[in-house]
All heavy atoms as atom14 arrays in JSON, in Angstrom:
{
  "sequence": "VSELLEANGRHPEFQLFATDLDSFAIDIARAGRYPKT",
  "atom14_mask": [
    [1, 1, 1, 1, 1, 1, 1, 0, 0, 0, 0, 0, 0, 0],
    [1, 1, 1, 1, 1, 1, 0, 0, 0, 0, 0, 0, 0, 0],
    [1, 1, 1, 1, 1, 1, 1, 1, 1, 0, 0, 0, 0, 0],
    [1, 1, 1, 1, 1, 1, 1, 1, 0, 0, 0, 0, 0, 0],
    [1, 1, 1, 1, 1, 1, 1, 1, 0, 0, 0, 0, 0, 0],
    [1, 1, 1, 1, 1, 1, 1, 1, 1, 0, 0, 0, 0, 0],
    [1, 1, 1, 1, 1, 0, 0, 0, 0, 0, 0, 0, 0, 0],
    [1, 1, 1, 1, 1, 1, 1, 1, 0, 0, 0, 0, 0, 0],
    [1, 1, 1, 1, 0, 0, 0, 0, 0, 0, 0, 0, 0, 0],
    [1, 1, 1, 1, 1, 1, 1, 1, 1, 1, 1, 0, 0, 0],
    [1, 1, 1, 1, 1, 1, 1, 1, 1, 1, 0, 0, 0, 0],
    [1, 1, 1, 1, 1, 1, 1, 0, 0, 0, 0, 0, 0, 0],
    [1, 1, 1, 1, 1, 1, 1, 1, 1, 0, 0, 0, 0, 0],
    [1, 1, 1, 1, 1, 1, 1, 1, 1, 1, 1, 0, 0, 0],
    [1, 1, 1, 1, 1, 1, 1, 1, 1, 0, 0, 0, 0, 0],
    [1, 1, 1, 1, 1, 1, 1, 1, 0, 0, 0, 0, 0, 0],
    [1, 1, 1, 1, 1, 1, 1, 1, 1, 1, 1, 0, 0, 0],
    [1, 1, 1, 1, 1, 0, 0, 0, 0, 0, 0, 0, 0, 0],
    [1, 1, 1, 1, 1, 1, 1, 0, 0, 0, 0, 0, 0, 0],
    [1, 1, 1, 1, 1, 1, 1, 1, 0, 0, 0, 0, 0, 0],
    [1, 1, 1, 1, 1, 1, 1, 1, 0, 0, 0, 0, 0, 0],
    [1, 1, 1, 1, 1, 1, 1, 1, 0, 0, 0, 0, 0, 0],
    [1, 1, 1, 1, 1, 1, 0, 0, 0, 0, 0, 0, 0, 0],
    [1, 1, 1, 1, 1, 1, 1, 1, 1, 1, 1, 0, 0, 0],
    [1, 1, 1, 1, 1, 0, 0, 0, 0, 0, 0, 0, 0, 0],
    [1, 1, 1, 1, 1, 1, 1, 1, 0, 0, 0, 0, 0, 0],
    [1, 1, 1, 1, 1, 1, 1, 1, 0, 0, 0, 0, 0, 0],
    [1, 1, 1, 1, 1, 1, 1, 1, 0, 0, 0, 0, 0, 0],
    [1, 1, 1, 1, 1, 0, 0, 0, 0, 0, 0, 0, 0, 0],
    [1, 1, 1, 1, 1, 1, 1, 1, 1, 1, 1, 0, 0, 0],
    [1, 1, 1, 1, 1, 0, 0, 0, 0, 0, 0, 0, 0, 0],
    [1, 1, 1, 1, 0, 0, 0, 0, 0, 0, 0, 0, 0, 0],
    [1, 1, 1, 1, 1, 1, 1, 1, 1, 1, 1, 0, 0, 0],
    [1, 1, 1, 1, 1, 1, 1, 1, 1, 1, 1, 1, 0, 0],
    [1, 1, 1, 1, 1, 1, 1, 0, 0, 0, 0, 0, 0, 0],
    [1, 1, 1, 1, 1, 1, 1, 1, 1, 0, 0, 0, 0, 0],
    [1, 1, 1, 1, 1, 1, 1, 0, 0, 0, 0, 0, 0, 0]
  ],
  "atom14_positions": [
    [[-6.36, 1.05, -6.44], [-6.77, 2.45, -6.51], [-5.96, 3.19, -7.57], [-6.5, 3.96, -8.37], [-6.61, 3.12, -5.13], [-6.83, 4.63, -5.24], [-7.58, 2.52, -4.12], [0.0, 0.0, 0.0], [0.0, 0.0, 0.0], [0.0, 0.0, 0.0], [0.0, 0.0, 0.0], [0.0, 0.0, 0.0], [0.0, 0.0, 0.0], [0.0, 0.0, 0.0]],
    [[-4.65, 2.96, -7.58], [-3.78, 3.62, -8.57], [-4.21, 3.3, -9.99], [-4.29, 4.19, -10.86], [-2.32, 3.2, -8.35], [-1.85, 3.61, -7.1], [0.0, 0.0, 0.0], [0.0, 0.0, 0.0], [0.0, 0.0, 0.0], [0.0, 0.0, 0.0], [0.0, 0.0, 0.0], [0.0, 0.0, 0.0], [0.0, 0.0, 0.0], [0.0, 0.0, 0.0]],
    [[-4.52, 2.04, -10.25], [-4.92, 1.63, -11.6], [-6.25, 2.27, -12.01], [-6.41, 2.71, -13.17], [-5.02, 0.11, -11.67], [-3.67, -0.58, -11.61], [-3.78, -2.1, -11.61], [-4.85, -2.63, -11.24], [-2.8, -2.77, -12.0], [0.0, 0.0, 0.0], [0.0, 0.0, 0.0], [0.0, 0.0, 0.0], [0.0, 0.0, 0.0], [0.0, 0.0, 0.0]],
    [[-7.18, 2.34, -11.07], [-8.48, 2.96, -11.38], [-8.33, 4.44, -11.68], [-8.94, 4.97, -12.61], [-9.45, 2.74, -10.22], [-10.22, 1.43, -10.21], [-10.99, 1.29, -8.91], [-11.17, 1.34, -11.39], [0.0, 0.0, 0.0], [0.0, 0.0, 0.0], [0.0, 0.0, 0.0], [0.0, 0.0, 0.0], [0.0, 0.0, 0.0], [0.0, 0.0, 0.0]],
    [[-7.52, 5.12, -10.89], [-7.31, 6.55, -11.13], [-6.67, 6.79, -12.48], [-7.08, 7.69, -13.23], [-6.45, 7.13, -10.01], [-7.09, 7.2, -8.61], [-6.07, 7.64, -7.58], [-8.29, 8.14, -8.62], [0.0, 0.0, 0.0], [0.0, 0.0, 0.0], [0.0, 0.0, 0.0], [0.0, 0.0, 0.0], [0.0, 0.0, 0.0], [0.0, 0.0, 0.0]],
    [[-5.66, 5.99, -12.81], [-4.99, 6.15, -14.1], [-5.94, 5.85, -15.26], [-5.93, 6.53, -16.28], [-3.76, 5.24, -14.16], [-2.65, 5.66, -13.21], [-1.52, 4.64, -13.15], [-1.6, 3.62, -13.87], [-0.57, 4.86, -12.38], [0.0, 0.0, 0.0], [0.0, 0.0, 0.0], [0.0, 0.0, 0.0], [0.0, 0.0, 0.0], [0.0, 0.0, 0.0]],
    [[-6.78, 4.83, -15.09], [-7.72, 4.46, -16.15], [-8.74, 5.55, -16.4], [-9.25, 5.7, -17.52], [-8.43, 3.16, -15.79], [0.0, 0.0, 0.0], [0.0, 0.0, 0.0], [0.0, 0.0, 0.0], [0.0, 0.0, 0.0], [0.0, 0.0, 0.0], [0.0, 0.0, 0.0], [0.0, 0.0, 0.0], [0.0, 0.0, 0.0], [0.0, 0.0, 0.0]],
    [[-9.05, 6.32, -15.35], [-10.02, 7.41, -15.49], [-9.36, 8.75, -15.8], [-10.04, 9.78, -15.82], [-10.85, 7.54, -14.2], [-11.89, 6.44, -14.06], [-12.99, 6.54, -14.59], [-11.53, 5.37, -13.38], [0.0, 0.0, 0.0], [0.0, 0.0, 0.0], [0.0, 0.0, 0.0], [0.0, 0.0, 0.0], [0.0, 0.0, 0.0], [0.0, 0.0, 0.0]],
    [[-8.05, 8.71, -16.01], [-7.35, 9.94, -16.34], [-7.35, 10.95, -15.22], [-7.25, 12.16, -15.46], [0.0, 0.0, 0.0], [0.0, 0.0, 0.0], [0.0, 0.0, 0.0], [0.0, 0.0, 0.0], [0.0, 0.0, 0.0], [0.0, 0.0, 0.0], [0.0, 0.0, 0.0], [0.0, 0.0, 0.0], [0.0, 0.0, 0.0], [0.0, 0.0, 0.0]],
    [[-7.45, 10.48, -13.99], [-7.5, 11.38, -12.85], [-6.33, 11.08, -11.91], [-5.89, 9.94, -11.78], [-8.82, 11.2, -12.08], [-10.05, 11.41, -12.97], [-11.33, 11.15, -12.24], [-11.54, 12.14, -11.18], [-12.62, 12.15, -10.39], [-13.55, 11.23, -10.55], [-12.75, 13.07, -9.46], [0.0, 0.0, 0.0], [0.0, 0.0, 0.0], [0.0, 0.0, 0.0]],
    [[-5.85, 12.12, -11.29], [-4.7, 11.95, -10.42], [-4.89, 12.71, -9.1], [-4.08, 13.54, -8.73], [-3.43, 12.44, -11.12], [-3.16, 11.73, -12.41], [-2.58, 10.48, -12.48], [-3.44, 12.09, -13.7], [-2.5, 10.1, -13.74], [-3.01, 11.06, -14.5], [0.0, 0.0, 0.0], [0.0, 0.0, 0.0], [0.0, 0.0, 0.0], [0.0, 0.0, 0.0]],
    [[-5.98, 12.4, -8.39], [-6.17, 13.07, -7.1], [-5.21, 12.52, -6.05], [-4.67, 11.42, -6.2], [-7.62, 12.71, -6.74], [-7.83, 11.4, -7.39], [-7.05, 11.44, -8.68], [0.0, 0.0, 0.0], [0.0, 0.0, 0.0], [0.0, 0.0, 0.0], [0.0, 0.0, 0.0], [0.0, 0.0, 0.0], [0.0, 0.0, 0.0], [0.0, 0.0, 0.0]],
    [[-5.01, 13.28, -5.03], [-4.2, 12.8, -3.93], [-4.95, 11.67, -3.21], [-6.17, 11.73, -3.05], [-3.92, 13.93, -2.94], [-2.94, 14.96, -3.47], [-1.57, 14.34, -3.75], [-1.09, 13.56, -2.88], [-1.01, 14.6, -4.81], [0.0, 0.0, 0.0], [0.0, 0.0, 0.0], [0.0, 0.0, 0.0], [0.0, 0.0, 0.0], [0.0, 0.0, 0.0]],
    [[-4.23, 10.63, -2.81], [-4.86, 9.65, -1.94], [-3.83, 9.1, -0.96], [-2.64, 9.05, -1.25], [-5.55, 8.53, -2.74], [-4.64, 7.43, -3.24], [-4.38, 6.3, -2.47], [-4.08, 7.5, -4.51], [-3.58, 5.29, -2.95], [-3.28, 6.48, -5.0], [-3.02, 5.38, -4.21], [0.0, 0.0, 0.0], [0.0, 0.0, 0.0], [0.0, 0.0, 0.0]],
    [[-4.32, 8.75, 0.2], [-3.49, 8.17, 1.24], [-4.1, 6.86, 1.7], [-5.33, 6.72, 1.72], [-3.39, 9.11, 2.45], [-2.54, 10.34, 2.23], [-2.55, 11.19, 3.49], [-3.59, 11.67, 3.91], [-1.39, 11.36, 4.1], [0.0, 0.0, 0.0], [0.0, 0.0, 0.0], [0.0, 0.0, 0.0], [0.0, 0.0, 0.0], [0.0, 0.0, 0.0]],
    [[-3.23, 5.92, 2.07], [-3.72, 4.65, 2.57], [-3.12, 4.4, 3.95], [-1.91, 4.45, 4.13], [-3.34, 3.52, 1.61], [-4.02, 2.17, 1.89], [-4.36, 1.46, 0.6], [-3.16, 1.3, 2.78], [0.0, 0.0, 0.0], [0.0, 0.0, 0.0], [0.0, 0.0, 0.0], [0.0, 0.0, 0.0], [0.0, 0.0, 0.0], [0.0, 0.0, 0.0]],
    [[-3.99, 4.17, 4.93], [-3.56, 3.87, 6.29], [-3.72, 2.37, 6.53], [-4.78, 1.81, 6.25], [-4.41, 4.65, 7.3], [-4.34, 6.14, 7.09], [-5.25, 6.77, 6.26], [-3.36, 6.9, 7.71], [-5.19, 8.14, 6.04], [-3.29, 8.26, 7.51], [-4.21, 8.89, 6.67], [0.0, 0.0, 0.0], [0.0, 0.0, 0.0], [0.0, 0.0, 0.0]],
    [[-2.68, 1.75, 7.05], [-2.73, 0.31, 7.32], [-2.3, 0.07, 8.77], [-1.25, 0.55, 9.19], [-1.82, -0.45, 6.37], [0.0, 0.0, 0.0], [0.0, 0.0, 0.0], [0.0, 0.0, 0.0], [0.0, 0.0, 0.0], [0.0, 0.0, 0.0], [0.0, 0.0, 0.0], [0.0, 0.0, 0.0], [0.0, 0.0, 0.0], [0.0, 0.0, 0.0]],
    [[-3.12, -0.65, 9.51], [-2.86, -0.85, 10.93], [-2.93, -2.33, 11.29], [-3.62, -3.11, 10.64], [-3.9, -0.1, 11.79], [-5.21, -0.57, 11.45], [-3.83, 1.4, 11.53], [0.0, 0.0, 0.0], [0.0, 0.0, 0.0], [0.0, 0.0, 0.0], [0.0, 0.0, 0.0], [0.0, 0.0, 0.0], [0.0, 0.0, 0.0], [0.0, 0.0, 0.0]],
    [[-2.21, -2.7, 12.35], [-2.25, -4.07, 12.83], [-1.77, -4.09, 14.27], [-0.98, -3.25, 14.7], [-1.37, -4.99, 11.98], [-1.7, -6.46, 12.19], [-1.15, -7.08, 13.11], [-2.54, -6.97, 11.43], [0.0, 0.0, 0.0], [0.0, 0.0, 0.0], [0.0, 0.0, 0.0], [0.0, 0.0, 0.0], [0.0, 0.0, 0.0], [0.0, 0.0, 0.0]],
    [[-2.24, -5.08, 15.02], [-1.84, -5.25, 16.41], [-0.39, -5.7, 16.54], [0.26, -5.46, 17.55], [-2.77, -6.29, 17.05], [-2.99, -6.24, 18.56], [-3.54, -4.91, 18.98], [-3.96, -7.36, 18.96], [0.0, 0.0, 0.0], [0.0, 0.0, 0.0], [0.0, 0.0, 0.0], [0.0, 0.0, 0.0], [0.0, 0.0, 0.0], [0.0, 0.0, 0.0]],
    [[0.12, -6.38, 15.52], [1.44, -7.0, 15.57], [2.51, -6.05, 15.03], [2.58, -5.8, 13.83], [1.42, -8.3, 14.76], [2.7, -9.12, 14.93], [3.69, -8.58, 15.45], [2.69, -10.3, 14.54], [0.0, 0.0, 0.0], [0.0, 0.0, 0.0], [0.0, 0.0, 0.0], [0.0, 0.0, 0.0], [0.0, 0.0, 0.0], [0.0, 0.0, 0.0]],
    [[3.37, -5.55, 15.9], [4.38, -4.58, 15.47], [5.39, -5.22, 14.52], [5.93, -4.54, 13.63], [5.1, -3.99, 16.69], [5.75, -5.01, 17.43], [0.0, 0.0, 0.0], [0.0, 0.0, 0.0], [0.0, 0.0, 0.0], [0.0, 0.0, 0.0], [0.0, 0.0, 0.0], [0.0, 0.0, 0.0], [0.0, 0.0, 0.0], [0.0, 0.0, 0.0]],
    [[5.68, -6.53, 14.68], [6.61, -7.19, 13.77], [6.03, -7.23, 12.35], [6.75, -7.02, 11.36], [6.92, -8.61, 14.25], [7.77, -8.65, 15.49], [7.23, -9.03, 16.7], [9.11, -8.29, 15.45], [8.01, -9.07, 17.85], [9.9, -8.32, 16.58], [9.34, -8.71, 17.8], [0.0, 0.0, 0.0], [0.0, 0.0, 0.0], [0.0, 0.0, 0.0]],
    [[4.73, -7.5, 12.26], [4.08, -7.52, 10.94], [4.13, -6.13, 10.3], [4.35, -6.0, 9.09], [2.64, -7.99, 11.07], [0.0, 0.0, 0.0], [0.0, 0.0, 0.0], [0.0, 0.0, 0.0], [0.0, 0.0, 0.0], [0.0, 0.0, 0.0], [0.0, 0.0, 0.0], [0.0, 0.0, 0.0], [0.0, 0.0, 0.0], [0.0, 0.0, 0.0]],
    [[3.93, -5.11, 11.11], [3.98, -3.74, 10.59], [5.37, -3.42, 10.05], [5.52, -2.75, 9.01], [3.59, -2.73, 11.69], [2.08, -2.81, 11.97], [3.98, -1.31, 11.31], [1.21, -2.29, 10.85], [0.0, 0.0, 0.0], [0.0, 0.0, 0.0], [0.0, 0.0, 0.0], [0.0, 0.0, 0.0], [0.0, 0.0, 0.0], [0.0, 0.0, 0.0]],
    [[6.42, -3.88, 10.73], [7.78, -3.65, 10.25], [7.99, -4.27, 8.87], [8.62, -3.66, 7.99], [8.8, -4.24, 11.24], [8.89, -3.44, 12.53], [8.47, -2.27, 12.52], [9.39, -3.99, 13.54], [0.0, 0.0, 0.0], [0.0, 0.0, 0.0], [0.0, 0.0, 0.0], [0.0, 0.0, 0.0], [0.0, 0.0, 0.0], [0.0, 0.0, 0.0]],
    [[7.46, -5.48, 8.68], [7.57, -6.13, 7.37], [6.79, -5.33, 6.32], [7.27, -5.09, 5.21], [7.04, -7.58, 7.44], [7.92, -8.42, 8.37], [6.99, -8.22, 6.05], [7.37, -9.79, 8.67], [0.0, 0.0, 0.0], [0.0, 0.0, 0.0], [0.0, 0.0, 0.0], [0.0, 0.0, 0.0], [0.0, 0.0, 0.0], [0.0, 0.0, 0.0]],
    [[5.58, -4.9, 6.7], [4.75, -4.14, 5.76], [5.42, -2.83, 5.37], [5.4, -2.43, 4.2], [3.38, -3.88, 6.39], [0.0, 0.0, 0.0], [0.0, 0.0, 0.0], [0.0, 0.0, 0.0], [0.0, 0.0, 0.0], [0.0, 0.0, 0.0], [0.0, 0.0, 0.0], [0.0, 0.0, 0.0], [0.0, 0.0, 0.0], [0.0, 0.0, 0.0]],
    [[5.99, -2.16, 6.34], [6.61, -0.86, 6.06], [7.78, -1.0, 5.09], [8.0, -0.17, 4.22], [7.07, -0.22, 7.38], [7.59, 1.2, 7.22], [7.96, 1.81, 8.56], [6.76, 2.1, 9.35], [6.47, 1.52, 10.51], [7.28, 0.61, 11.02], [5.39, 1.86, 11.16], [0.0, 0.0, 0.0], [0.0, 0.0, 0.0], [0.0, 0.0, 0.0]],
    [[8.56, -2.09, 5.25], [9.71, -2.31, 4.35], [9.26, -2.64, 2.94], [9.93, -2.29, 1.96], [10.59, -3.42, 4.91], [0.0, 0.0, 0.0], [0.0, 0.0, 0.0], [0.0, 0.0, 0.0], [0.0, 0.0, 0.0], [0.0, 0.0, 0.0], [0.0, 0.0, 0.0], [0.0, 0.0, 0.0], [0.0, 0.0, 0.0], [0.0, 0.0, 0.0]],
    [[8.13, -3.34, 2.8], [7.58, -3.65, 1.47], [8.4, -4.64, 0.68], [8.33, -4.65, -0.55], [0.0, 0.0, 0.0], [0.0, 0.0, 0.0], [0.0, 0.0, 0.0], [0.0, 0.0, 0.0], [0.0, 0.0, 0.0], [0.0, 0.0, 0.0], [0.0, 0.0, 0.0], [0.0, 0.0, 0.0], [0.0, 0.0, 0.0], [0.0, 0.0, 0.0]],
    [[9.15, -5.5, 1.34], [9.96, -6.52, 0.65], [9.27, -7.88, 0.77], [8.89, -8.3, 1.86], [11.35, -6.6, 1.25], [12.25, -5.41, 0.89], [13.7, -5.69, 1.33], [14.59, -4.66, 0.81], [14.95, -3.57, 1.48], [14.46, -3.37, 2.71], [15.77, -2.7, 0.96], [0.0, 0.0, 0.0], [0.0, 0.0, 0.0], [0.0, 0.0, 0.0]],
    [[9.18, -8.6, -0.38], [8.47, -9.87, -0.39], [9.23, -10.87, -1.26], [9.96, -10.49, -2.17], [7.05, -9.67, -0.93], [6.25, -8.72, -0.07], [6.1, -7.38, -0.42], [5.68, -9.15, 1.13], [5.4, -6.49, 0.4], [4.97, -8.28, 1.94], [4.83, -6.95, 1.57], [4.15, -6.08, 2.39], [0.0, 0.0, 0.0], [0.0, 0.0, 0.0]],
    [[9.06, -12.17, -0.98], [9.78, -13.19, -1.75], [9.27, -13.29, -3.18], [8.17, -12.82, -3.51], [9.5, -14.48, -0.97], [8.22, -14.22, -0.26], [8.23, -12.76, 0.09], [0.0, 0.0, 0.0], [0.0, 0.0, 0.0], [0.0, 0.0, 0.0], [0.0, 0.0, 0.0], [0.0, 0.0, 0.0], [0.0, 0.0, 0.0], [0.0, 0.0, 0.0]],
    [[10.05, -13.94, -4.02], [9.7, -14.06, -5.43], [8.46, -14.91, -5.66], [7.88, -14.89, -6.75], [10.88, -14.61, -6.21], [12.04, -13.62, -6.31], [13.12, -14.06, -7.28], [14.18, -12.97, -7.42], [15.26, -13.36, -8.36], [0.0, 0.0, 0.0], [0.0, 0.0, 0.0], [0.0, 0.0, 0.0], [0.0, 0.0, 0.0], [0.0, 0.0, 0.0]],
    [[8.02, -15.62, -4.64], [6.83, -16.44, -4.76], [5.55, -15.61, -4.94], [4.5, -16.16, -5.25], [6.66, -17.34, -3.53], [6.92, -16.58, -2.34], [7.64, -18.49, -3.57], [0.0, 0.0, 0.0], [0.0, 0.0, 0.0], [0.0, 0.0, 0.0], [0.0, 0.0, 0.0], [0.0, 0.0, 0.0], [0.0, 0.0, 0.0], [0.0, 0.0, 0.0]]
  ]
}
């Protein structure tokens, strides 16, 4: 989404909601840290 907005010269507000049943997975997602692979 960010790349498309930048390519079109537009910068509207956008929000992304991400949900999952697994609270441990959500904790990993919230931190946003991933291996070099």
